[in-house]
C-alpha atoms as a PDB file:
ATOM      1  CA  MET A   1     159.358 135.920 125.785  1.00  0.00           C
ATOM      2  CA  ALA A   2     162.134 133.862 127.378  1.00  0.00           C
ATOM      3  CA  MET A   3     162.678 130.962 125.016  1.00  0.00           C
ATOM      4  CA  ALA A   4     163.938 127.508 125.799  1.00  0.00           C
ATOM      5  CA  THR A   5     167.656 127.280 125.102  1.00  0.00           C
ATOM      6  CA  ASN A   6     168.529 123.666 124.263  1.00  0.00           C
ATOM      7  CA  ILE A   7     167.032 121.513 121.531  1.00  0.00           C
ATOM      8  CA  LEU A   8     167.643 117.866 120.651  1.00  0.00           C
ATOM      9  CA  ILE A   9     167.137 116.681 117.066  1.00  0.00           C
ATOM     10  CA  VAL A  10     166.735 112.914 116.740  1.00  0.00           C
ATOM     11  CA  ASP A  11     166.859 111.657 113.143  1.00  0.00           C
ATOM     12  CA  ASP A  12     168.834 108.993 111.292  1.00  0.00           C
ATOM     13  CA  SER A  13     169.424 111.416 108.391  1.00  0.00           C
ATOM     14  CA  LYS A  14     172.468 113.600 109.004  1.00  0.00           C
ATOM     15  CA  GLY A  15     171.417 115.845 106.138  1.00  0.00           C
ATOM     16  CA  LEU A  16     167.962 116.448 107.612  1.00  0.00           C
ATOM     17  CA  ARG A  17     169.431 117.190 111.020  1.00  0.00           C
ATOM     18  CA  ALA A  18     171.701 119.776 109.413  1.00  0.00           C
ATOM     19  CA  GLN A  19     168.738 121.319 107.564  1.00  0.00           C
ATOM     20  CA  ILE A  20     166.768 121.681 110.813  1.00  0.00           C
ATOM     21  CA  VAL A  21     169.724 123.128 112.719  1.00  0.00           C
ATOM     22  CA  LYS A  22     170.368 125.688 109.974  1.00  0.00           C
ATOM     23  CA  ALA A  23     166.722 126.764 109.883  1.00  0.00           C
ATOM     24  CA  LEU A  24     166.427 127.080 113.661  1.00  0.00           C
ATOM     25  CA  LYS A  25     169.715 128.948 114.019  1.00  0.00           C
ATOM     26  CA  GLY A  26     168.428 131.421 111.452  1.00  0.00           C
ATOM     27  CA  ALA A  27     165.335 131.992 113.604  1.00  0.00           C
ATOM     28  CA  GLY A  28     167.418 132.369 116.780  1.00  0.00           C
ATOM     29  CA  LEU A  29     165.126 130.159 118.851  1.00  0.00           C
ATOM     30  CA  PHE A  30     167.781 128.115 120.652  1.00  0.00           C
ATOM     31  CA  ASP A  31     171.272 128.569 122.031  1.00  0.00           C
ATOM     32  CA  SER A  32     172.461 124.951 121.972  1.00  0.00           C
ATOM     33  CA  TYR A  33     171.772 122.165 119.470  1.00  0.00           C
ATOM     34  CA  TYR A  34     172.227 118.469 120.192  1.00  0.00           C
ATOM     35  CA  GLU A  35     171.871 115.669 117.663  1.00  0.00           C
ATOM     36  CA  ALA A  36     171.166 111.946 117.828  1.00  0.00           C
ATOM     37  CA  ALA A  37     170.920 109.357 115.041  1.00  0.00           C
ATOM     38  CA  ASP A  38     168.313 107.145 116.738  1.00  0.00           C
ATOM     39  CA  GLY A  39     166.179 106.790 119.846  1.00  0.00           C
ATOM     40  CA  ILE A  40     168.924 105.158 121.909  1.00  0.00           C
ATOM     41  CA  GLU A  41     171.308 108.053 121.260  1.00  0.00           C
ATOM     42  CA  GLY A  42     168.409 110.408 121.949  1.00  0.00           C
ATOM     43  CA  LEU A  43     167.816 108.948 125.409  1.00  0.00           C
ATOM     44  CA  LYS A  44     171.525 109.252 126.186  1.00  0.00           C
ATOM     45  CA  ALA A  45     171.413 112.906 125.141  1.00  0.00           C
ATOM     46  CA  LEU A  46     168.402 113.537 127.394  1.00  0.00           C
ATOM     47  CA  ALA A  47     170.254 111.990 130.306  1.00  0.00           C
ATOM     48  CA  THR A  48     173.434 114.007 129.805  1.00  0.00           C
ATOM     49  CA  HIS A  49     172.237 117.432 128.590  1.00  0.00           C
ATOM     50  CA  PRO A  50     169.599 119.921 129.802  1.00  0.00           C
ATOM     51  CA  ILE A  51     167.170 119.502 126.890  1.00  0.00           C
ATOM     52  CA  ASP A  52     164.183 121.863 126.599  1.00  0.00           C
ATOM     53  CA  PHE A  53     162.702 120.758 123.264  1.00  0.00           C
ATOM     54  CA  VAL A  54     162.864 117.691 121.006  1.00  0.00           C
ATOM     55  CA  ILE A  55     162.283 117.191 117.283  1.00  0.00           C
ATOM     56  CA  CYS A  56     162.182 113.464 116.577  1.00  0.00           C
ATOM     57  CA  ASP A  57     161.943 111.368 113.444  1.00  0.00           C
ATOM     58  CA  LEU A  58     159.440 108.546 113.635  1.00  0.00           C
ATOM     59  CA  MET A  59     161.055 105.767 111.603  1.00  0.00           C
ATOM     60  CA  MET A  60     164.628 105.092 112.767  1.00  0.00           C
ATOM     61  CA  PRO A  61     166.832 102.004 113.247  1.00  0.00           C
ATOM     62  CA  ASN A  62     167.535 100.502 116.695  1.00  0.00           C
ATOM     63  CA  MET A  63     164.814 102.520 118.454  1.00  0.00           C
ATOM     64  CA  ASP A  64     162.082 104.385 116.597  1.00  0.00           C
ATOM     65  CA  GLY A  65     160.382 107.628 117.636  1.00  0.00           C
ATOM     66  CA  PHE A  66     157.462 105.915 119.359  1.00  0.00           C
ATOM     67  CA  GLN A  67     159.792 103.795 121.500  1.00  0.00           C
ATOM     68  CA  PHE A  68     162.000 106.803 122.248  1.00  0.00           C
ATOM     69  CA  LEU A  69     159.079 108.921 123.452  1.00  0.00           C
ATOM     70  CA  GLU A  70     157.516 106.127 125.505  1.00  0.00           C
ATOM     71  CA  ALA A  71     160.878 105.520 127.232  1.00  0.00           C
ATOM     72  CA  ALA A  72     161.435 109.243 127.850  1.00  0.00           C
ATOM     73  CA  ARG A  73     157.979 109.835 129.321  1.00  0.00           C
ATOM     74  CA  LYS A  74     158.650 107.193 131.990  1.00  0.00           C
ATOM     75  CA  HIS A  75     161.085 109.625 133.614  1.00  0.00           C
ATOM     76  CA  GLU A  76     159.516 112.505 135.514  1.00  0.00           C
ATOM     77  CA  ALA A  77     162.320 114.868 134.497  1.00  0.00           C
ATOM     78  CA  PHE A  78     161.459 114.418 130.822  1.00  0.00           C
ATOM     79  CA  GLY A  79     157.691 114.427 131.236  1.00  0.00           C
ATOM     80  CA  HIS A  80     157.139 118.072 130.262  1.00  0.00           C
ATOM     81  CA  ILE A  81     159.590 118.432 127.365  1.00  0.00           C
ATOM     82  CA  PRO A  82     157.713 119.320 124.144  1.00  0.00           C
ATOM     83  CA  VAL A  83     158.275 116.770 121.357  1.00  0.00           C
ATOM     84  CA  ILE A  84     157.399 117.249 117.682  1.00  0.00           C
ATOM     85  CA  PHE A  85     157.372 114.116 115.542  1.00  0.00           C
ATOM     86  CA  LEU A  86     158.555 114.184 111.926  1.00  0.00           C
ATOM     87  CA  SER A  87     157.620 111.416 109.534  1.00  0.00           C
ATOM     88  CA  ALA A  88     157.256 110.663 105.851  1.00  0.00           C
ATOM     89  CA  ARG A  89     154.105 108.753 106.790  1.00  0.00           C
ATOM     90  CA  GLY A  90     151.066 110.963 107.098  1.00  0.00           C
ATOM     91  CA  GLU A  91     148.369 108.446 107.990  1.00  0.00           C
ATOM     92  CA  SER A  92     145.936 109.608 110.628  1.00  0.00           C
ATOM     93  CA  ALA A  93     146.536 106.468 112.679  1.00  0.00           C
ATOM     94  CA  MET A  94     150.241 107.311 112.983  1.00  0.00           C
ATOM     95  CA  LYS A  95     149.509 110.886 114.019  1.00  0.00           C
ATOM     96  CA  ILE A  96     146.936 109.778 116.576  1.00  0.00           C
ATOM     97  CA  LYS A  97     149.300 107.227 118.088  1.00  0.00           C
ATOM     98  CA  GLY A  98     152.060 109.819 118.359  1.00  0.00           C
ATOM     99  CA  LEU A  99     149.815 112.324 120.099  1.00  0.00           C
ATOM    100  CA  GLU A 100     148.390 109.664 122.410  1.00  0.00           C
ATOM    101  CA  ILE A 101     151.813 108.665 123.736  1.00  0.00           C
ATOM    102  CA  GLY A 102     152.794 112.260 124.473  1.00  0.00           C
ATOM    103  CA  ALA A 103     153.934 114.075 121.331  1.00  0.00           C
ATOM    104  CA  TYR A 104     152.957 117.741 121.252  1.00  0.00           C
ATOM    105  CA  ASP A 105     152.733 117.946 117.450  1.00  0.00           C
ATOM    106  CA  TYR A 106     153.241 115.894 114.283  1.00  0.00           C
ATOM    107  CA  MET A 107     154.614 117.085 110.933  1.00  0.00           C
ATOM    108  CA  THR A 108     154.873 115.196 107.658  1.00  0.00           C
ATOM    109  CA  LYS A 109     158.060 115.186 105.576  1.00  0.00           C
ATOM    110  CA  PRO A 110     158.957 117.017 103.460  1.00  0.00           C
ATOM    111  CA  PHE A 111     158.087 120.056 105.539  1.00  0.00           C
ATOM    112  CA  ASP A 112     158.402 123.795 105.144  1.00  0.00           C
ATOM    113  CA  ASN A 113     161.040 125.350 107.395  1.00  0.00           C
ATOM    114  CA  GLY A 114     158.816 128.321 108.122  1.00  0.00           C
ATOM    115  CA  GLU A 115     155.968 126.080 109.241  1.00  0.00           C
ATOM    116  CA  LEU A 116     158.309 124.083 111.487  1.00  0.00           C
ATOM    117  CA  ILE A 117     159.545 127.284 113.134  1.00  0.00           C
ATOM    118  CA  ALA A 118     155.983 128.536 113.592  1.00  0.00           C
ATOM    119  CA  ARG A 119     154.911 125.264 115.213  1.00  0.00           C
ATOM    120  CA  ILE A 120     157.925 125.299 117.519  1.00  0.00           C
ATOM    121  CA  MET A 121     157.105 128.861 118.606  1.00  0.00           C
ATOM    122  CA  VAL A 122     153.529 127.823 119.386  1.00  0.00           C
ATOM    123  CA  GLN A 123     154.767 124.948 121.549  1.00  0.00           C
ATOM    124  CA  LEU A 124     157.304 127.178 123.289  1.00  0.00           C
ATOM    125  CA  ASN A 125     154.542 129.620 124.191  1.00  0.00           C
ATOM    126  CA  ILE A 126     152.405 126.771 125.513  1.00  0.00           C
ATOM    127  CA  LYS A 127     155.380 125.384 127.461  1.00  0.00           C
ATOM    128  CA  LYS A 128     156.007 128.784 129.030  1.00  0.00           C
ATOM    129  CA  LEU A 129     152.386 129.013 130.196  1.00  0.00           C
ATOM    130  CA  GLN A 130     152.460 125.433 131.496  1.00  0.00           C
ATOM    131  CA  ASP A 131     155.733 126.045 133.365  1.00  0.00           C
ATOM    132  CA  GLU A 132     154.255 129.153 134.988  1.00  0.00           C
ATOM    133  CA  LEU A 133     151.116 127.221 135.923  1.00  0.00           C
ATOM    134  CA  ARG A 134     153.151 124.395 137.492  1.00  0.00           C
ATOM    135  CA  LYS A 135     155.235 126.929 139.400  1.00  0.00           C
ATOM    136  CA  ASN A 136     152.103 128.679 140.688  1.00  0.00           C
ATOM    137  CA  ASN A 137     150.525 125.352 141.645  1.00  0.00           C
ATOM    138  CA  GLU A 138     153.665 124.364 143.562  1.00  0.00           C
ATOM    139  CA  LEU A 139     153.620 127.730 145.327  1.00  0.00           C
ATOM    140  CA  LEU A 140     149.942 127.311 146.241  1.00  0.00           C
ATOM    141  CA  LYS A 141     150.631 123.815 147.543  1.00  0.00           C
ATOM    142  CA  GLU A 142     153.527 125.101 149.644  1.00  0.00           C
ATOM    143  CA  ILE A 143     151.360 127.886 151.047  1.00  0.00           C
ATOM    144  CA  SER A 144     148.574 125.439 151.876  1.00  0.00           C
ATOM    145  CA  ILE A 145     150.839 123.183 153.963  1.00  0.00           C
ATOM    146  CA  THR A 146     153.142 125.783 155.541  1.00  0.00           C
ATOM    147  CA  ASP A 147     152.731 127.935 158.616  1.00  0.00           C
ATOM    148  CA  HIS A 148     153.107 131.521 157.408  1.00  0.00           C
ATOM    149  CA  LEU A 149     155.080 132.724 160.452  1.00  0.00           C
ATOM    150  CA  THR A 150     157.590 129.965 161.147  1.00  0.00           C
ATOM    151  CA  HIS A 151     157.704 128.369 157.670  1.00  0.00           C
ATOM    152  CA  LEU A 152     157.402 124.974 159.322  1.00  0.00           C
ATOM    153  CA  TYR A 153     154.590 122.687 158.203  1.00  0.00           C
ATOM    154  CA  ASN A 154     151.150 123.566 159.508  1.00  0.00           C
ATOM    155  CA  ARG A 155     149.039 121.388 161.777  1.00  0.00           C
ATOM    156  CA  ARG A 156     146.802 120.024 159.019  1.00  0.00           C
ATOM    157  CA  TYR A 157     149.732 118.734 156.987  1.00  0.00           C
ATOM    158  CA  MET A 158     151.433 117.399 160.101  1.00  0.00           C
ATOM    159  CA  MET A 159     148.318 115.408 161.024  1.00  0.00           C
ATOM    160  CA  ASP A 160     148.073 113.925 157.534  1.00  0.00           C
ATOM    161  CA  GLU A 161     151.722 112.865 157.680  1.00  0.00           C
ATOM    162  CA  LEU A 162     151.352 111.487 161.198  1.00  0.00           C
ATOM    163  CA  VAL A 163     148.557 109.199 160.009  1.00  0.00           C
ATOM    164  CA  ILE A 164     150.775 107.960 157.167  1.00  0.00           C
ATOM    165  CA  GLU A 165     153.768 107.365 159.442  1.00  0.00           C
ATOM    166  CA  PHE A 166     151.633 105.721 162.120  1.00  0.00           C
ATOM    167  CA  HIS A 167     150.203 103.169 159.694  1.00  0.00           C
ATOM    168  CA  ARG A 168     153.613 102.598 158.125  1.00  0.00           C
ATOM    169  CA  SER A 169     155.167 101.846 161.501  1.00  0.00           C
ATOM    170  CA  GLN A 170     152.244  99.576 162.428  1.00  0.00           C
ATOM    171  CA  ARG A 171     152.502  97.721 159.133  1.00  0.00           C
ATOM    172  CA  LYS A 172     156.264  97.236 159.384  1.00  0.00           C
ATOM    173  CA  LYS A 173     156.283  96.847 163.169  1.00  0.00           C
ATOM    174  CA  GLY A 174     158.777  99.696 163.255  1.00  0.00           C
ATOM    175  CA  GLU A 175     159.494 102.601 165.568  1.00  0.00           C
ATOM    176  CA  LEU A 176     157.954 106.068 165.526  1.00  0.00           C
ATOM    177  CA  CYS A 177     158.419 108.954 167.903  1.00  0.00           C
ATOM    178  CA  LEU A 178     156.154 111.984 168.402  1.00  0.00           C
ATOM    179  CA  VAL A 179     157.433 114.993 170.335  1.00  0.00           C
ATOM    180  CA  LEU A 180     155.094 117.806 171.402  1.00  0.00           C
ATOM    181  CA  ILE A 181     156.762 121.061 172.403  1.00  0.00           C
ATOM    182  CA  ASP A 182     155.379 124.044 174.297  1.00  0.00           C
ATOM    183  CA  VAL A 183     157.107 127.387 174.868  1.00  0.00           C
ATOM    184  CA  ASP A 184     157.138 128.053 178.607  1.00  0.00           C
ATOM    185  CA  HIS A 185     155.322 131.171 179.858  1.00  0.00           C
ATOM    186  CA  PHE A 186     154.795 132.417 176.314  1.00  0.00           C
ATOM    187  CA  LYS A 187     151.743 134.480 177.266  1.00  0.00           C
ATOM    188  CA  LEU A 188     154.009 136.471 179.575  1.00  0.00           C
ATOM    189  CA  VAL A 189     156.367 137.118 176.648  1.00  0.00           C
ATOM    190  CA  ASN A 190     153.508 138.492 174.561  1.00  0.00           C
ATOM    191  CA  ASP A 191     152.111 140.531 177.440  1.00  0.00           C
ATOM    192  CA  THR A 192     155.510 142.014 178.315  1.00  0.00           C
ATOM    193  CA  TYR A 193     157.088 142.586 174.922  1.00  0.00           C
ATOM    194  CA  GLY A 194     154.150 142.565 172.514  1.00  0.00           C
ATOM    195  CA  HIS A 195     152.996 140.096 169.877  1.00  0.00           C
ATOM    196  CA  GLN A 196     155.514 141.211 167.258  1.00  0.00           C
ATOM    197  CA  ASN A 197     158.398 140.341 169.557  1.00  0.00           C
ATOM    198  CA  GLY A 198     156.568 137.173 170.547  1.00  0.00           C
ATOM    199  CA  ASP A 199     156.553 136.219 166.866  1.00  0.00           C
ATOM    200  CA  MET A 200     160.324 136.757 166.810  1.00  0.00           C
ATOM    201  CA  VAL A 201     160.656 134.265 169.647  1.00  0.00           C
ATOM    202  CA  LEU A 202     158.570 131.686 167.801  1.00  0.00           C
ATOM    203  CA  THR A 203     160.535 132.041 164.572  1.00  0.00           C
ATOM    204  CA  ALA A 204     163.837 131.674 166.449  1.00  0.00           C
ATOM    205  CA  ILE A 205     162.612 128.480 168.124  1.00  0.00           C
ATOM    206  CA  ALA A 206     161.351 127.176 164.781  1.00  0.00           C
ATOM    207  CA  GLU A 207     164.779 127.757 163.226  1.00  0.00           C
ATOM    208  CA  THR A 208     166.465 125.922 166.097  1.00  0.00           C
ATOM    209  CA  LEU A 209     163.967 123.093 165.726  1.00  0.00           C
ATOM    210  CA  ARG A 210     164.626 122.851 162.009  1.00  0.00           C
ATOM    211  CA  GLY A 211     168.316 122.447 162.708  1.00  0.00           C
ATOM    212  CA  GLU A 212     167.701 119.259 164.711  1.00  0.00           C
ATOM    213  CA  LEU A 213     165.845 117.437 161.942  1.00  0.00           C
ATOM    214  CA  ARG A 214     167.105 114.647 159.782  1.00  0.00           C
ATOM    215  CA  ARG A 215     166.076 114.532 156.128  1.00  0.00           C
ATOM    216  CA  TYR A 216     163.072 112.313 156.804  1.00  0.00           C
ATOM    217  CA  ASP A 217     161.884 113.987 160.039  1.00  0.00           C
ATOM    218  CA  LEU A 218     159.061 116.495 160.068  1.00  0.00           C
ATOM    219  CA  ALA A 219     158.501 119.584 162.201  1.00  0.00           C
ATOM    220  CA  ALA A 220     155.298 121.587 162.418  1.00  0.00           C
ATOM    221  CA  ARG A 221     153.695 124.433 164.265  1.00  0.00           C
ATOM    222  CA  TYR A 222     151.073 122.518 166.210  1.00  0.00           C
ATOM    223  CA  GLY A 223     149.303 125.494 167.763  1.00  0.00           C
ATOM    224  CA  GLY A 224     149.951 129.050 168.922  1.00  0.00           C
ATOM    225  CA  GLU A 225     153.149 128.434 170.864  1.00  0.00           C
ATOM    226  CA  GLU A 226     153.219 124.670 170.388  1.00  0.00           C
ATOM    227  CA  PHE A 227     155.360 122.708 167.964  1.00  0.00           C
ATOM    228  CA  ALA A 228     155.588 119.048 167.031  1.00  0.00           C
ATOM    229  CA  MET A 229     158.230 116.700 165.671  1.00  0.00           C
ATOM    230  CA  ILE A 230     157.485 113.444 163.878  1.00  0.00           C
ATOM    231  CA  LEU A 231     160.562 111.211 164.036  1.00  0.00           C
ATOM    232  CA  PRO A 232     160.210 108.029 161.947  1.00  0.00           C
ATOM    233  CA  ASP A 233     162.309 104.968 162.764  1.00  0.00           C
ATOM    234  CA  THR A 234     163.161 106.500 166.125  1.00  0.00           C
ATOM    235  CA  SER A 235     162.895 104.874 169.538  1.00  0.00           C
ATOM    236  CA  LEU A 236     161.728 106.624 172.706  1.00  0.00           C
ATOM    237  CA  GLN A 237     165.336 106.894 173.891  1.00  0.00           C
ATOM    238  CA  GLU A 238     166.535 108.296 170.566  1.00  0.00           C
ATOM    239  CA  GLY A 239     163.644 110.747 170.509  1.00  0.00           C
ATOM    240  CA  TYR A 240     164.579 111.884 174.003  1.00  0.00           C
ATOM    241  CA  ALA A 241     168.110 112.634 172.783  1.00  0.00           C
ATOM    242  CA  VAL A 242     166.735 114.763 169.930  1.00  0.00           C
ATOM    243  CA  ALA A 243     164.433 116.582 172.347  1.00  0.00           C
ATOM    244  CA  GLU A 244     167.290 117.244 174.750  1.00  0.00           C
ATOM    245  CA  ARG A 245     169.421 118.752 171.991  1.00  0.00           C
ATOM    246  CA  LEU A 246     166.492 120.975 171.105  1.00  0.00           C
ATOM    247  CA  ARG A 247     165.983 121.990 174.741  1.00  0.00           C
ATOM    248  CA  GLN A 248     169.648 122.945 175.015  1.00  0.00           C
ATOM    249  CA  GLY A 249     169.544 124.747 171.681  1.00  0.00           C
ATOM    250  CA  VAL A 250     166.599 126.882 172.760  1.00  0.00           C
ATOM    251  CA  LEU A 251     168.416 127.823 175.982  1.00  0.00           C
ATOM    252  CA  GLU A 252     171.265 129.176 173.846  1.00  0.00           C
ATOM    253  CA  ILE A 253     169.078 131.460 171.714  1.00  0.00           C
ATOM    254  CA  THR A 254     169.885 135.138 172.112  1.00  0.00           C
ATOM    255  CA  PHE A 255     167.672 138.004 170.997  1.00  0.00           C
ATOM    256  CA  PRO A 256     168.262 141.648 170.125  1.00  0.00           C
ATOM    257  CA  SER A 257     166.851 144.478 172.234  1.00  0.00           C
ATOM    258  CA  PRO A 258     164.330 144.691 173.804  1.00  0.00           C
ATOM    259  CA  LEU A 259     164.509 140.886 174.221  1.00  0.00           C
ATOM    260  CA  ASN A 260     168.220 140.764 175.035  1.00  0.00           C
ATOM    261  CA  SER A 261     167.548 139.792 178.653  1.00  0.00           C
ATOM    262  CA  LEU A 262     164.927 137.172 177.749  1.00  0.00           C
ATOM    263  CA  ALA A 263     165.711 133.524 178.502  1.00  0.00           C
ATOM    264  CA  VAL A 264     163.337 131.201 176.677  1.00  0.00           C
ATOM    265  CA  THR A 265     162.703 127.606 177.683  1.00  0.00           C
ATOM    266  CA  ILE A 266     160.524 124.826 176.336  1.00  0.00           C
ATOM    267  CA  SER A 267     158.746 121.814 177.798  1.00  0.00           C
ATOM    268  CA  GLN A 268     158.419 118.607 175.781  1.00  0.00           C
ATOM    269  CA  GLY A 269     156.364 115.452 175.904  1.00  0.00           C
ATOM    270  CA  ILE A 270     157.328 112.300 174.002  1.00  0.00           C
ATOM    271  CA  ALA A 271     155.398 109.210 172.967  1.00  0.00           C
ATOM    272  CA  ALA A 272     156.649 106.379 170.803  1.00  0.00           C
ATOM    273  CA  LEU A 273     155.747 103.195 168.987  1.00  0.00           C
ATOM    274  CA  PRO A 274     155.691 100.302 169.410  1.00  0.00           C
ATOM    275  CA  SER A 275     153.652 100.409 172.592  1.00  0.00           C
ATOM    276  CA  PRO A 276     150.871  98.151 173.940  1.00  0.00           C
ATOM    277  CA  LEU A 277     149.161 101.329 175.160  1.00  0.00           C
ATOM    278  CA  ILE A 278     148.881 102.928 171.712  1.00  0.00           C
ATOM    279  CA  ASN A 279     146.662 101.536 168.983  1.00  0.00           C
ATOM    280  CA  SER A 280     145.657 104.717 167.134  1.00  0.00           C
ATOM    281  CA  VAL A 281     146.939 108.115 166.064  1.00  0.00           C
ATOM    282  CA  ASP A 282     144.722 109.761 168.668  1.00  0.00           C
ATOM    283  CA  ALA A 283     146.210 107.550 171.379  1.00  0.00           C
ATOM    284  CA  LEU A 284     149.729 108.486 170.266  1.00  0.00           C
ATOM    285  CA  ILE A 285     148.907 112.196 170.389  1.00  0.00           C
ATOM    286  CA  LYS A 286     147.242 111.832 173.791  1.00  0.00           C
ATOM    287  CA  ALA A 287     150.261 109.990 175.203  1.00  0.00           C
ATOM    288  CA  ALA A 288     152.602 112.753 174.015  1.00  0.00           C
ATOM    289  CA  ASP A 289     150.219 115.443 175.246  1.00  0.00           C
ATOM    290  CA  ASP A 290     149.952 113.801 178.669  1.00  0.00           C
ATOM    291  CA  ALA A 291     153.741 113.666 178.852  1.00  0.00           C
ATOM    292  CA  LEU A 292     153.919 117.350 177.919  1.00  0.00           C
ATOM    293  CA  TYR A 293     151.415 118.211 180.648  1.00  0.00           C
ATOM    294  CA  LEU A 294     153.560 116.264 183.095  1.00  0.00           C
ATOM    295  CA  ALA A 295     156.666 118.198 182.015  1.00  0.00           C
ATOM    296  CA  LYS A 296     154.923 121.481 182.686  1.00  0.00           C
ATOM    297  CA  GLN A 297     153.576 120.246 186.015  1.00  0.00           C
ATOM    298  CA  ASN A 298     157.061 119.110 187.027  1.00  0.00           C
ATOM    299  CA  GLY A 299     158.557 122.571 186.622  1.00  0.00           C
ATOM    300  CA  ARG A 300     158.936 123.234 182.863  1.00  0.00           C
ATOM    301  CA  ASN A 301     162.178 123.418 180.863  1.00  0.00           C
ATOM    302  CA  ARG A 302     162.226 119.633 180.874  1.00  0.00           C
ATOM    303  CA  ILE A 303     161.237 116.527 178.921  1.00  0.00           C
ATOM    304  CA  ASP A 304     158.846 113.847 180.078  1.00  0.00           C
ATOM    305  CA  THR A 305     157.855 110.647 178.310  1.00  0.00           C
ATOM    306  CA  MET A 306     154.674 108.649 178.085  1.00  0.00           C
ATOM    307  CA  ALA A 307     153.822 106.230 180.816  1.00  0.00           C
ATOM    308  CA  VAL A 308     154.941 102.665 180.182  1.00  0.00           C
ATOM    309  CA  PRO A 309     153.479  99.469 181.618  1.00  0.00           C
ATOM    310  CA  ALA A 310     155.082  98.203 184.809  1.00  0.00           C
END
């Protein structure tokens, strides 16, 4: 089992800290040992060192164990670190309070070194299982919102985010730009070169699209050969500039044989807020879709924008 490597011991007794360090070093559970004399020093240690486990005294000057743990649990980074409380007070009420605020275990002083080591090993095993579960849950979440081919977001996630951004822009009276993108004559690519090579074209376009995004933009595979960009805080003119860079970028894509002679182009339709013509997410999508249809009608490999009032 891969053990945690760094432990923090928070106790106002230097002698007790030394006793714990000696016992744990003998068991070989940790590589690095950090010490703190009270809760304030403990929080500083958490902020400056990669701590995987904490043993904390309950009654300390300046900041006691309860206050230390409550302060630590407010930070997401420290939320999953196992903490064992040590205290000379063994009342049930104290133990219950400690467990309620996030301690993993509670031991009464004086304690047996062997029992402390055994309890730490139990918590390390639990932590390992919890870490694996969190990792698997994150992977499942990523799979559920990601298009398997292009690794862009999928349409369902994109729609959820578009609703959020739409209402945010309406609430703040801000700008929002939606760009719909269609690969020109993609059926011909599939028919001529096969679906596997068609997938190569889509992934290359997706990579080019990803390169045009800012940190807070979002790109998704909207359909078979359709993509979408959500550009928050972006005007129609600014969105057009992004779309033009993408159009040029796609023109510059080169492919290996048998696609080495293939020239791929895209058509794009743009709609933006604020607009007196758009009062819903559906209206925003329709405006961008109408603009995309116009781009294809006008010859493809071009960008058209939503109609604006005269």
